[in-house]
Amino acid sequence: MLLFSTSIRTAAQIVSPVNSDVHVASVVPQLPGRDDIYGIDGRQLQSGDAEADHPIHISQLPAGSYILRLQSASETRAFPFVKP
């Protein structure tokens, strides 16, 4: 499970590896927004609407290293993670 704050301005805690879902914990709500997952080659593999306290499903992704990008109205942040 990957756990981090949806307060995109605050520090993020990332627990990796991630198996099936990325959970977004709401601390200071700045979402809804967008979530995008990129492979290490830079290709966008998945995108969706990011909402506080709703998981981002990644079970369909093969094992590998990824970047999760969260975008709110005011800021964009990227978080690396590994799926075993």
N, C-alpha and C. Protein backbone atom coordinates (compact mmCIF):
# COMPACT_ATOMS: atom_id res chain seq x y z
N MET A 1 0.84 -1.17 0.00
CA MET A 1 0.00 0.00 0.00
C MET A 1 0.89 1.24 0.00
N LEU A 2 0.51 2.22 -0.76
CA LEU A 2 1.17 3.52 -0.80
C LEU A 2 0.27 4.48 -0.06
N LEU A 3 0.82 5.19 0.91
CA LEU A 3 0.01 6.10 1.70
C LEU A 3 0.68 7.45 1.72
N PHE A 4 -0.07 8.48 1.40
CA PHE A 4 0.48 9.83 1.44
C PHE A 4 -0.64 10.81 1.65
N SER A 5 -0.29 12.01 1.95
CA SER A 5 -1.27 13.05 2.23
C SER A 5 -1.80 13.64 0.95
N THR A 6 -3.11 13.91 0.92
CA THR A 6 -3.66 14.61 -0.23
C THR A 6 -3.42 16.10 -0.11
N SER A 7 -2.89 16.53 1.02
CA SER A 7 -2.44 17.91 1.12
C SER A 7 -1.16 17.98 0.34
N ILE A 8 -1.26 18.34 -0.90
CA ILE A 8 -0.14 18.24 -1.81
C ILE A 8 1.00 19.14 -1.37
N ARG A 9 0.73 20.11 -0.52
CA ARG A 9 1.78 20.99 -0.01
C ARG A 9 2.60 20.35 1.11
N THR A 10 2.07 19.33 1.77
CA THR A 10 2.75 18.75 2.92
C THR A 10 3.65 17.60 2.51
N ALA A 11 4.46 17.18 3.44
CA ALA A 11 5.36 16.06 3.19
C ALA A 11 4.55 14.80 2.95
N ALA A 12 5.09 13.91 2.18
CA ALA A 12 4.40 12.67 1.87
C ALA A 12 5.17 11.50 2.45
N GLN A 13 4.44 10.53 2.95
CA GLN A 13 5.04 9.30 3.43
C GLN A 13 4.70 8.23 2.40
N ILE A 14 5.70 7.59 1.87
CA ILE A 14 5.48 6.59 0.83
C ILE A 14 5.96 5.25 1.34
N VAL A 15 5.06 4.28 1.32
CA VAL A 15 5.39 2.91 1.68
C VAL A 15 5.36 2.11 0.39
N SER A 16 6.48 1.56 0.02
CA SER A 16 6.58 0.82 -1.22
C SER A 16 7.20 -0.53 -0.90
N PRO A 17 6.86 -1.61 -1.48
CA PRO A 17 6.15 -1.78 -2.74
C PRO A 17 4.63 -1.71 -2.57
N VAL A 18 3.97 -1.50 -3.71
CA VAL A 18 2.51 -1.40 -3.78
C VAL A 18 2.00 -2.58 -4.59
N ASN A 19 1.00 -3.29 -4.07
CA ASN A 19 0.50 -4.47 -4.78
C ASN A 19 -0.73 -4.22 -5.64
N SER A 20 -1.77 -3.61 -5.07
CA SER A 20 -3.00 -3.50 -5.85
C SER A 20 -3.66 -2.12 -5.81
N ASP A 21 -3.60 -1.42 -4.69
CA ASP A 21 -4.27 -0.13 -4.56
C ASP A 21 -3.34 0.90 -3.95
N VAL A 22 -3.45 2.12 -4.42
CA VAL A 22 -2.77 3.27 -3.83
C VAL A 22 -3.84 4.02 -3.06
N HIS A 23 -3.63 4.20 -1.76
CA HIS A 23 -4.62 4.88 -0.92
C HIS A 23 -4.16 6.30 -0.66
N VAL A 24 -5.07 7.23 -0.85
CA VAL A 24 -4.79 8.64 -0.64
C VAL A 24 -5.48 9.04 0.66
N ALA A 25 -4.69 9.40 1.67
CA ALA A 25 -5.25 9.77 2.97
C ALA A 25 -5.47 11.28 3.02
N SER A 26 -6.66 11.67 3.39
CA SER A 26 -7.00 13.09 3.41
C SER A 26 -6.53 13.74 4.70
N VAL A 27 -5.69 14.76 4.58
CA VAL A 27 -5.24 15.54 5.72
C VAL A 27 -5.75 16.96 5.59
N VAL A 28 -5.38 17.64 4.53
CA VAL A 28 -5.92 18.96 4.19
C VAL A 28 -6.46 18.83 2.78
N PRO A 29 -7.76 18.66 2.61
CA PRO A 29 -8.31 18.37 1.28
C PRO A 29 -8.01 19.46 0.26
N GLN A 30 -7.30 19.08 -0.79
CA GLN A 30 -7.10 19.95 -1.95
C GLN A 30 -7.56 19.22 -3.20
N LEU A 31 -8.11 18.06 -3.00
CA LEU A 31 -8.64 17.30 -4.12
C LEU A 31 -10.13 17.52 -4.14
N PRO A 32 -10.85 17.35 -5.22
CA PRO A 32 -10.50 16.51 -6.35
C PRO A 32 -9.43 17.12 -7.24
N GLY A 33 -8.86 16.24 -8.00
CA GLY A 33 -7.82 16.60 -8.95
C GLY A 33 -7.63 15.47 -9.93
N ARG A 34 -6.42 15.34 -10.45
CA ARG A 34 -6.10 14.29 -11.41
C ARG A 34 -5.00 13.42 -10.84
N ASP A 35 -5.05 12.14 -11.18
CA ASP A 35 -3.93 11.26 -10.90
C ASP A 35 -3.49 10.63 -12.21
N ASP A 36 -2.19 10.56 -12.39
CA ASP A 36 -1.60 9.93 -13.58
C ASP A 36 -0.49 9.01 -13.12
N ILE A 37 -0.38 7.86 -13.74
CA ILE A 37 0.71 6.93 -13.45
C ILE A 37 1.52 6.78 -14.73
N TYR A 38 2.84 6.94 -14.56
CA TYR A 38 3.79 6.86 -15.67
C TYR A 38 4.78 5.72 -15.41
N GLY A 39 5.19 5.06 -16.48
CA GLY A 39 6.27 4.11 -16.40
C GLY A 39 7.59 4.86 -16.33
N ILE A 40 8.67 4.16 -16.00
CA ILE A 40 9.95 4.85 -15.91
C ILE A 40 10.45 5.31 -17.26
N ASP A 41 9.83 4.83 -18.34
CA ASP A 41 10.18 5.29 -19.68
C ASP A 41 9.44 6.58 -20.05
N GLY A 42 8.58 7.08 -19.13
CA GLY A 42 7.88 8.33 -19.37
C GLY A 42 6.51 8.19 -20.02
N ARG A 43 6.13 6.97 -20.39
CA ARG A 43 4.81 6.76 -21.00
C ARG A 43 3.72 6.82 -19.94
N GLN A 44 2.64 7.53 -20.25
CA GLN A 44 1.50 7.56 -19.35
C GLN A 44 0.74 6.25 -19.49
N LEU A 45 0.55 5.55 -18.36
CA LEU A 45 -0.08 4.25 -18.39
C LEU A 45 -1.50 4.26 -17.86
N GLN A 46 -1.82 5.24 -17.04
CA GLN A 46 -3.13 5.29 -16.42
C GLN A 46 -3.42 6.71 -15.98
N SER A 47 -4.67 7.12 -16.03
CA SER A 47 -5.05 8.43 -15.50
C SER A 47 -6.46 8.33 -14.96
N GLY A 48 -6.79 9.24 -14.08
CA GLY A 48 -8.13 9.23 -13.51
C GLY A 48 -8.35 10.45 -12.65
N ASP A 49 -9.50 10.47 -12.01
CA ASP A 49 -9.85 11.55 -11.10
C ASP A 49 -9.40 11.16 -9.70
N ALA A 50 -8.57 11.99 -9.08
CA ALA A 50 -8.10 11.74 -7.72
C ALA A 50 -9.07 12.38 -6.74
N GLU A 51 -9.53 11.58 -5.81
CA GLU A 51 -10.42 12.07 -4.77
C GLU A 51 -9.89 11.62 -3.43
N ALA A 52 -10.05 12.47 -2.42
CA ALA A 52 -9.59 12.13 -1.08
C ALA A 52 -10.27 10.85 -0.61
N ASP A 53 -9.49 9.99 0.01
CA ASP A 53 -9.96 8.74 0.61
C ASP A 53 -10.51 7.72 -0.37
N HIS A 54 -10.17 7.82 -1.66
CA HIS A 54 -10.55 6.82 -2.64
C HIS A 54 -9.28 6.20 -3.21
N PRO A 55 -9.20 4.86 -3.23
CA PRO A 55 -7.97 4.23 -3.73
C PRO A 55 -7.81 4.39 -5.24
N ILE A 56 -6.57 4.36 -5.67
CA ILE A 56 -6.23 4.34 -7.08
C ILE A 56 -5.84 2.89 -7.37
N HIS A 57 -6.59 2.24 -8.22
CA HIS A 57 -6.38 0.82 -8.49
C HIS A 57 -5.24 0.62 -9.49
N ILE A 58 -4.27 -0.19 -9.09
CA ILE A 58 -3.12 -0.45 -9.96
C ILE A 58 -2.92 -1.94 -10.21
N SER A 59 -3.91 -2.76 -9.87
CA SER A 59 -3.75 -4.21 -10.00
C SER A 59 -3.47 -4.64 -11.44
N GLN A 60 -3.91 -3.88 -12.43
CA GLN A 60 -3.72 -4.25 -13.83
C GLN A 60 -2.32 -3.92 -14.34
N LEU A 61 -1.53 -3.16 -13.57
CA LEU A 61 -0.17 -2.83 -14.00
C LEU A 61 0.77 -4.00 -13.74
N PRO A 62 1.69 -4.27 -14.64
CA PRO A 62 2.67 -5.33 -14.40
C PRO A 62 3.70 -4.87 -13.36
N ALA A 63 4.46 -5.80 -12.85
CA ALA A 63 5.52 -5.48 -11.89
C ALA A 63 6.48 -4.48 -12.52
N GLY A 64 6.93 -3.52 -11.71
CA GLY A 64 7.87 -2.53 -12.22
C GLY A 64 7.92 -1.28 -11.36
N SER A 65 8.65 -0.29 -11.83
CA SER A 65 8.79 0.99 -11.14
C SER A 65 7.92 2.02 -11.85
N TYR A 66 7.26 2.86 -11.06
CA TYR A 66 6.30 3.82 -11.59
C TYR A 66 6.43 5.16 -10.89
N ILE A 67 5.80 6.15 -11.49
CA ILE A 67 5.67 7.48 -10.90
C ILE A 67 4.18 7.80 -10.85
N LEU A 68 3.69 8.13 -9.65
CA LEU A 68 2.33 8.61 -9.49
C LEU A 68 2.38 10.12 -9.44
N ARG A 69 1.63 10.77 -10.31
CA ARG A 69 1.56 12.23 -10.32
C ARG A 69 0.17 12.64 -9.88
N LEU A 70 0.12 13.46 -8.81
CA LEU A 70 -1.14 14.02 -8.34
C LEU A 70 -1.17 15.48 -8.70
N GLN A 71 -2.28 15.92 -9.23
CA GLN A 71 -2.42 17.32 -9.63
C GLN A 71 -3.70 17.87 -9.04
N SER A 72 -3.57 18.95 -8.26
CA SER A 72 -4.73 19.67 -7.75
C SER A 72 -4.84 20.97 -8.54
N ALA A 73 -5.77 21.81 -8.16
CA ALA A 73 -5.93 23.09 -8.85
C ALA A 73 -4.74 23.99 -8.65
N SER A 74 -3.97 23.78 -7.56
CA SER A 74 -2.89 24.69 -7.24
C SER A 74 -1.48 24.10 -7.34
N GLU A 75 -1.36 22.78 -7.42
CA GLU A 75 -0.02 22.21 -7.36
C GLU A 75 0.00 20.81 -7.95
N THR A 76 1.18 20.40 -8.40
CA THR A 76 1.41 19.05 -8.91
C THR A 76 2.59 18.44 -8.18
N ARG A 77 2.45 17.18 -7.74
CA ARG A 77 3.53 16.46 -7.06
C ARG A 77 3.65 15.07 -7.65
N ALA A 78 4.86 14.52 -7.62
CA ALA A 78 5.11 13.18 -8.13
C ALA A 78 5.68 12.30 -7.04
N PHE A 79 5.26 11.03 -7.02
CA PHE A 79 5.68 10.07 -6.00
C PHE A 79 6.11 8.78 -6.69
N PRO A 80 7.35 8.36 -6.54
CA PRO A 80 7.77 7.07 -7.12
C PRO A 80 7.26 5.91 -6.27
N PHE A 81 6.98 4.78 -6.93
CA PHE A 81 6.63 3.56 -6.19
C PHE A 81 7.00 2.35 -7.03
N VAL A 82 7.07 1.21 -6.36
CA VAL A 82 7.42 -0.05 -7.00
C VAL A 82 6.28 -1.01 -6.80
N LYS A 83 5.92 -1.73 -7.88
CA LYS A 83 4.96 -2.83 -7.77
C LYS A 83 5.73 -4.12 -8.00
N PRO A 84 5.76 -5.01 -7.00
CA PRO A 84 6.53 -6.25 -7.15
C PRO A 84 5.89 -7.24 -8.10
